[in-house]
């Protein structure tokens, strides 16, 4: 997981090939409160109105890169 907007409503994931994918916190199965920068997630990628977006985001590890 790359980042969550300060509003806490959406964020961006980094795909294996390095491109960024938008996600809405409603798509995070455990809720955005349980996801942190650096967390490993699985997701389904689909094409939204503004480009790629993630749906059905599941947190696999809560590892955080914050120090």
C-alpha atoms as a PDB file:
ATOM      1  CA  UNK A   1       0.000   0.000   0.000  1.00  0.00           C
ATOM      2  CA  UNK A   2       1.489   3.338  -1.035  1.00  0.00           C
ATOM      3  CA  UNK A   3      -0.658   5.932   0.676  1.00  0.00           C
ATOM      4  CA  UNK A   4      -4.058   6.882   2.071  1.00  0.00           C
ATOM      5  CA  UNK A   5      -5.524  10.329   1.497  1.00  0.00           C
ATOM      6  CA  UNK A   6      -5.714  12.439   4.696  1.00  0.00           C
ATOM      7  CA  UNK A   7      -9.511  12.303   4.396  1.00  0.00           C
ATOM      8  CA  UNK A   8      -9.250   8.545   5.035  1.00  0.00           C
ATOM      9  CA  UNK A   9     -11.690   7.833   2.218  1.00  0.00           C
ATOM     10  CA  UNK A  10      -9.339   6.541  -0.496  1.00  0.00           C
ATOM     11  CA  UNK A  11      -5.748   5.651  -1.258  1.00  0.00           C
ATOM     12  CA  UNK A  12      -3.366   4.163  -3.787  1.00  0.00           C
ATOM     13  CA  UNK A  13      -1.778   0.738  -4.090  1.00  0.00           C
ATOM     14  CA  UNK A  14       1.374  -0.138  -6.005  1.00  0.00           C
ATOM     15  CA  UNK A  15       0.933  -2.999  -8.460  1.00  0.00           C
ATOM     16  CA  UNK A  16       3.687  -5.561  -9.049  1.00  0.00           C
ATOM     17  CA  UNK A  17       4.677  -3.733 -12.246  1.00  0.00           C
ATOM     18  CA  UNK A  18       4.947  -0.420 -10.380  1.00  0.00           C
ATOM     19  CA  UNK A  19       1.822   1.390 -11.582  1.00  0.00           C
ATOM     20  CA  UNK A  20      -0.483   3.015  -9.045  1.00  0.00           C
ATOM     21  CA  UNK A  21      -4.022   1.796  -8.523  1.00  0.00           C
ATOM     22  CA  UNK A  22      -6.734   3.865  -6.830  1.00  0.00           C
ATOM     23  CA  UNK A  23      -8.903   2.272  -4.143  1.00  0.00           C
ATOM     24  CA  UNK A  24     -11.852   3.514  -2.121  1.00  0.00           C
ATOM     25  CA  UNK A  25     -11.887   2.549   1.551  1.00  0.00           C
ATOM     26  CA  UNK A  26     -15.275   0.909   0.990  1.00  0.00           C
ATOM     27  CA  UNK A  27     -13.341  -1.687  -1.060  1.00  0.00           C
ATOM     28  CA  UNK A  28     -11.077  -2.677   1.858  1.00  0.00           C
ATOM     29  CA  UNK A  29     -12.637  -5.747   3.476  1.00  0.00           C
ATOM     30  CA  UNK A  30     -11.146  -4.975   6.909  1.00  0.00           C
ATOM     31  CA  UNK A  31     -11.681  -1.208   6.575  1.00  0.00           C
ATOM     32  CA  UNK A  32      -9.034   1.480   6.091  1.00  0.00           C
ATOM     33  CA  UNK A  33      -8.350   1.686   9.824  1.00  0.00           C
ATOM     34  CA  UNK A  34      -6.597  -1.693   9.496  1.00  0.00           C
ATOM     35  CA  UNK A  35      -4.336  -0.830   6.562  1.00  0.00           C
ATOM     36  CA  UNK A  36      -1.013   1.017   6.737  1.00  0.00           C
ATOM     37  CA  UNK A  37       1.637   2.202   4.312  1.00  0.00           C
ATOM     38  CA  UNK A  38       3.743  -0.824   3.439  1.00  0.00           C
ATOM     39  CA  UNK A  39       0.964  -3.348   4.066  1.00  0.00           C
ATOM     40  CA  UNK A  40       0.773  -6.245   1.636  1.00  0.00           C
ATOM     41  CA  UNK A  41      -2.657  -6.668   0.077  1.00  0.00           C
ATOM     42  CA  UNK A  42      -4.479  -8.694  -2.534  1.00  0.00           C
ATOM     43  CA  UNK A  43      -7.089  -7.094  -4.751  1.00  0.00           C
ATOM     44  CA  UNK A  44      -9.052  -7.392  -7.953  1.00  0.00           C
ATOM     45  CA  UNK A  45      -8.152  -4.753 -10.538  1.00  0.00           C
ATOM     46  CA  UNK A  46     -10.878  -3.256 -12.691  1.00  0.00           C
ATOM     47  CA  UNK A  47     -11.194  -0.281 -14.991  1.00  0.00           C
ATOM     48  CA  UNK A  48     -13.029   2.614 -13.373  1.00  0.00           C
ATOM     49  CA  UNK A  49     -14.167   5.932 -14.831  1.00  0.00           C
ATOM     50  CA  UNK A  50     -10.737   7.494 -14.222  1.00  0.00           C
ATOM     51  CA  UNK A  51      -8.516   4.482 -14.888  1.00  0.00           C
ATOM     52  CA  UNK A  52      -7.501   1.358 -12.993  1.00  0.00           C
ATOM     53  CA  UNK A  53      -8.965   0.843  -9.542  1.00  0.00           C
ATOM     54  CA  UNK A  54      -8.812  -1.898  -6.947  1.00  0.00           C
ATOM     55  CA  UNK A  55     -11.826  -3.694  -5.564  1.00  0.00           C
ATOM     56  CA  UNK A  56     -12.117  -6.371  -2.894  1.00  0.00           C
ATOM     57  CA  UNK A  57      -8.886  -5.263  -1.170  1.00  0.00           C
ATOM     58  CA  UNK A  58      -7.751  -7.767   1.466  1.00  0.00           C
ATOM     59  CA  UNK A  59      -4.894  -7.063   3.887  1.00  0.00           C
ATOM     60  CA  UNK A  60      -2.396  -9.953   3.820  1.00  0.00           C
ATOM     61  CA  UNK A  61       0.146  -8.474   6.228  1.00  0.00           C
ATOM     62  CA  UNK A  62      -0.028  -5.331   8.304  1.00  0.00           C
ATOM     63  CA  UNK A  63       3.697  -4.644   7.887  1.00  0.00           C
ATOM     64  CA  UNK A  64       4.351  -0.934   7.983  1.00  0.00           C
ATOM     65  CA  UNK A  65       7.370   0.874   6.573  1.00  0.00           C
ATOM     66  CA  UNK A  66       6.953   3.708   9.082  1.00  0.00           C
ATOM     67  CA  UNK A  67       9.735   4.134  11.631  1.00  0.00           C
END
